[in-house]
N, C-alpha and C. Protein backbone atom coordinates (compact mmCIF):
# COMPACT_ATOMS: atom_id res chain seq x y z
N MET A 1 -45.98 1.49 106.00
CA MET A 1 -46.75 1.68 104.78
C MET A 1 -46.27 0.69 103.73
N ARG A 2 -47.17 -0.08 103.17
CA ARG A 2 -46.82 -1.07 102.16
C ARG A 2 -47.02 -0.47 100.78
N VAL A 3 -45.98 -0.51 99.97
CA VAL A 3 -46.01 0.05 98.62
C VAL A 3 -46.11 -1.09 97.63
N LYS A 4 -47.02 -0.99 96.68
CA LYS A 4 -47.15 -2.00 95.63
C LYS A 4 -46.18 -1.64 94.51
N LEU A 5 -44.92 -2.03 94.70
CA LEU A 5 -43.85 -1.64 93.77
C LEU A 5 -44.08 -2.10 92.34
N PRO A 6 -44.42 -3.37 92.08
CA PRO A 6 -44.54 -3.80 90.68
C PRO A 6 -45.54 -2.95 89.88
N LEU A 7 -46.69 -2.67 90.46
CA LEU A 7 -47.69 -1.87 89.75
C LEU A 7 -47.21 -0.44 89.56
N ALA A 8 -46.63 0.14 90.59
CA ALA A 8 -46.13 1.51 90.49
C ALA A 8 -45.01 1.62 89.46
N ILE A 9 -44.09 0.67 89.47
CA ILE A 9 -42.98 0.67 88.52
C ILE A 9 -43.49 0.50 87.10
N ALA A 10 -44.39 -0.44 86.88
CA ALA A 10 -44.93 -0.67 85.54
C ALA A 10 -45.63 0.57 85.01
N THR A 11 -46.40 1.22 85.86
CA THR A 11 -47.11 2.44 85.45
C THR A 11 -46.13 3.53 85.05
N ILE A 12 -45.11 3.73 85.86
CA ILE A 12 -44.12 4.78 85.56
C ILE A 12 -43.34 4.46 84.30
N LEU A 13 -42.89 3.22 84.18
CA LEU A 13 -42.06 2.85 83.04
C LEU A 13 -42.82 2.92 81.73
N PHE A 14 -44.05 2.43 81.70
CA PHE A 14 -44.80 2.47 80.46
C PHE A 14 -45.25 3.88 80.11
N SER A 15 -45.35 4.75 81.09
CA SER A 15 -45.67 6.13 80.76
C SER A 15 -44.48 6.81 80.08
N LEU A 16 -43.29 6.26 80.27
CA LEU A 16 -42.09 6.81 79.64
C LEU A 16 -41.81 6.21 78.26
N SER A 17 -42.48 5.10 77.92
CA SER A 17 -42.10 4.39 76.70
C SER A 17 -42.87 4.87 75.47
N ASN A 18 -42.27 4.59 74.32
CA ASN A 18 -42.87 4.88 73.03
C ASN A 18 -42.33 3.84 72.07
N SER A 19 -42.93 3.66 70.92
CA SER A 19 -42.51 2.58 70.02
C SER A 19 -41.50 3.01 68.97
N HIS A 20 -40.85 4.15 69.12
CA HIS A 20 -39.84 4.60 68.17
C HIS A 20 -38.45 4.31 68.69
N SER A 21 -37.49 4.19 67.79
CA SER A 21 -36.12 3.92 68.21
C SER A 21 -35.39 5.22 68.57
N VAL A 22 -34.30 5.06 69.30
CA VAL A 22 -33.50 6.20 69.72
C VAL A 22 -32.04 5.78 69.66
N SER A 23 -31.16 6.71 69.36
CA SER A 23 -29.76 6.36 69.18
C SER A 23 -28.94 6.43 70.46
N ALA A 24 -29.39 7.16 71.46
CA ALA A 24 -28.62 7.30 72.70
C ALA A 24 -29.46 6.85 73.88
N VAL A 25 -28.77 6.33 74.89
CA VAL A 25 -29.45 5.91 76.10
C VAL A 25 -29.86 7.15 76.89
N THR A 26 -31.11 7.19 77.32
CA THR A 26 -31.55 8.25 78.21
C THR A 26 -31.79 7.65 79.58
N SER A 27 -31.56 8.42 80.61
CA SER A 27 -31.70 7.94 81.97
C SER A 27 -32.57 8.90 82.76
N HIS A 28 -33.43 8.35 83.62
CA HIS A 28 -34.33 9.15 84.44
C HIS A 28 -34.29 8.64 85.87
N GLU A 29 -34.34 9.57 86.81
CA GLU A 29 -34.37 9.23 88.24
C GLU A 29 -35.75 9.56 88.78
N LEU A 30 -36.35 8.61 89.48
CA LEU A 30 -37.64 8.80 90.11
C LEU A 30 -37.49 8.53 91.60
N HIS A 31 -38.18 9.31 92.44
CA HIS A 31 -38.08 9.15 93.89
C HIS A 31 -39.47 9.18 94.49
N SER A 32 -39.68 8.42 95.54
CA SER A 32 -40.94 8.47 96.26
C SER A 32 -41.00 9.79 97.04
N PRO A 33 -42.19 10.24 97.43
CA PRO A 33 -42.30 11.51 98.16
C PRO A 33 -41.46 11.54 99.45
N ASP A 34 -41.32 10.41 100.13
CA ASP A 34 -40.52 10.38 101.36
C ASP A 34 -39.05 10.07 101.08
N ASN A 35 -38.69 9.93 99.80
CA ASN A 35 -37.31 9.70 99.35
C ASN A 35 -36.74 8.35 99.77
N ARG A 36 -37.59 7.42 100.17
CA ARG A 36 -37.12 6.09 100.55
C ARG A 36 -36.91 5.20 99.32
N ILE A 37 -37.72 5.40 98.28
CA ILE A 37 -37.67 4.56 97.09
C ILE A 37 -37.06 5.37 95.95
N HIS A 38 -36.05 4.81 95.32
CA HIS A 38 -35.39 5.44 94.18
C HIS A 38 -35.44 4.45 93.01
N VAL A 39 -35.90 4.94 91.88
CA VAL A 39 -35.94 4.12 90.67
C VAL A 39 -35.13 4.85 89.60
N THR A 40 -34.18 4.14 89.01
CA THR A 40 -33.41 4.65 87.88
C THR A 40 -33.89 3.92 86.64
N VAL A 41 -34.34 4.66 85.66
CA VAL A 41 -34.86 4.09 84.41
C VAL A 41 -33.91 4.47 83.29
N ARG A 42 -33.45 3.46 82.54
CA ARG A 42 -32.61 3.69 81.36
C ARG A 42 -33.39 3.23 80.14
N ILE A 43 -33.46 4.10 79.14
CA ILE A 43 -34.23 3.79 77.94
C ILE A 43 -33.29 3.77 76.75
N ASP A 44 -33.24 2.60 76.11
CA ASP A 44 -32.44 2.38 74.91
C ASP A 44 -33.29 1.53 74.00
N LYS A 45 -32.78 0.42 73.52
CA LYS A 45 -33.61 -0.49 72.72
C LYS A 45 -34.63 -1.19 73.61
N ARG A 46 -34.36 -1.28 74.88
CA ARG A 46 -35.26 -1.82 75.89
C ARG A 46 -35.35 -0.84 77.05
N ILE A 47 -36.34 -1.02 77.90
CA ILE A 47 -36.45 -0.22 79.12
C ILE A 47 -35.88 -1.05 80.26
N ASN A 48 -34.82 -0.55 80.88
CA ASN A 48 -34.19 -1.21 82.02
C ASN A 48 -34.32 -0.29 83.24
N TYR A 49 -34.39 -0.90 84.42
CA TYR A 49 -34.52 -0.09 85.62
C TYR A 49 -33.87 -0.76 86.82
N ASP A 50 -33.50 0.07 87.80
CA ASP A 50 -32.99 -0.36 89.10
C ASP A 50 -33.93 0.19 90.15
N VAL A 51 -34.11 -0.55 91.23
CA VAL A 51 -34.94 -0.09 92.33
C VAL A 51 -34.15 -0.20 93.63
N ARG A 52 -34.12 0.89 94.38
CA ARG A 52 -33.49 0.91 95.71
C ARG A 52 -34.54 1.36 96.72
N VAL A 53 -34.58 0.67 97.85
CA VAL A 53 -35.43 1.06 98.96
C VAL A 53 -34.54 1.23 100.18
N ASN A 54 -34.58 2.41 100.77
CA ASN A 54 -33.70 2.74 101.90
C ASN A 54 -32.24 2.45 101.54
N ASP A 55 -31.84 2.83 100.34
CA ASP A 55 -30.48 2.65 99.82
C ASP A 55 -30.06 1.20 99.66
N LYS A 56 -30.99 0.26 99.76
CA LYS A 56 -30.69 -1.15 99.53
C LYS A 56 -31.17 -1.51 98.13
N LEU A 57 -30.27 -2.05 97.31
CA LEU A 57 -30.60 -2.41 95.94
C LEU A 57 -31.51 -3.64 95.93
N LEU A 58 -32.73 -3.50 95.39
CA LEU A 58 -33.67 -4.60 95.31
C LEU A 58 -33.69 -5.23 93.92
N LEU A 59 -33.67 -4.40 92.90
CA LEU A 59 -33.66 -4.87 91.51
C LEU A 59 -32.58 -4.11 90.77
N GLU A 60 -31.81 -4.83 89.95
CA GLU A 60 -30.75 -4.19 89.19
C GLU A 60 -30.83 -4.61 87.73
N ASN A 61 -30.81 -3.64 86.85
CA ASN A 61 -30.80 -3.87 85.42
C ASN A 61 -31.95 -4.78 84.96
N SER A 62 -33.13 -4.57 85.54
CA SER A 62 -34.31 -5.34 85.16
C SER A 62 -34.89 -4.76 83.87
N THR A 63 -35.46 -5.61 83.05
CA THR A 63 -36.05 -5.20 81.78
C THR A 63 -37.56 -5.35 81.87
N ILE A 64 -38.28 -4.40 81.28
CA ILE A 64 -39.74 -4.48 81.28
C ILE A 64 -40.26 -4.26 79.87
N SER A 65 -41.28 -5.05 79.52
CA SER A 65 -42.01 -4.87 78.26
C SER A 65 -43.37 -5.55 78.43
N MET A 66 -44.28 -5.24 77.50
CA MET A 66 -45.62 -5.81 77.57
C MET A 66 -46.13 -6.03 76.15
N ASP A 67 -46.77 -7.16 75.91
CA ASP A 67 -47.34 -7.46 74.61
C ASP A 67 -48.83 -7.09 74.63
N VAL A 68 -49.22 -6.16 73.75
CA VAL A 68 -50.60 -5.74 73.63
C VAL A 68 -51.01 -5.92 72.18
N ASP A 69 -51.93 -6.83 71.94
CA ASP A 69 -52.39 -7.12 70.58
C ASP A 69 -51.22 -7.38 69.63
N HIS A 70 -50.26 -8.19 70.09
CA HIS A 70 -49.08 -8.59 69.32
C HIS A 70 -48.17 -7.41 68.97
N HIS A 71 -48.25 -6.36 69.74
CA HIS A 71 -47.34 -5.22 69.62
C HIS A 71 -46.61 -5.09 70.95
N THR A 72 -45.29 -5.13 70.92
CA THR A 72 -44.50 -5.09 72.15
C THR A 72 -44.23 -3.66 72.58
N LEU A 73 -44.81 -3.28 73.71
CA LEU A 73 -44.54 -1.97 74.30
C LEU A 73 -43.26 -2.10 75.13
N GLY A 74 -42.38 -1.17 74.99
CA GLY A 74 -41.11 -1.21 75.71
C GLY A 74 -39.94 -1.64 74.83
N LYS A 75 -40.22 -2.06 73.60
CA LYS A 75 -39.17 -2.43 72.65
C LYS A 75 -38.89 -1.22 71.76
N ASP A 76 -37.61 -0.91 71.54
CA ASP A 76 -37.21 0.27 70.77
C ASP A 76 -37.87 1.52 71.33
N ALA A 77 -37.77 1.69 72.63
CA ALA A 77 -38.46 2.78 73.32
C ALA A 77 -37.69 4.09 73.24
N LYS A 78 -38.40 5.19 73.44
CA LYS A 78 -37.77 6.50 73.54
C LYS A 78 -38.68 7.41 74.33
N VAL A 79 -38.13 8.48 74.84
CA VAL A 79 -38.90 9.50 75.55
C VAL A 79 -38.88 10.75 74.71
N ASP A 80 -40.05 11.29 74.44
CA ASP A 80 -40.17 12.54 73.66
C ASP A 80 -40.09 13.73 74.57
């Protein structure tokens, strides 16, 4: 089964983001239904994430953001 990781990760990460600041780092663990894919999301001033597939680290401390109408989503993020 081929998983479109970039689209899935972007969807998950942006669903967690907001444009307000936060004073402490929050961390979230996400897992695929078959438990093969693990994503760790850390939210501070930026959204950073790690991706593991079958316990093999594919991405580490990656940062994600998106510019929409000159407003940066993912900057000064927080989870409500």
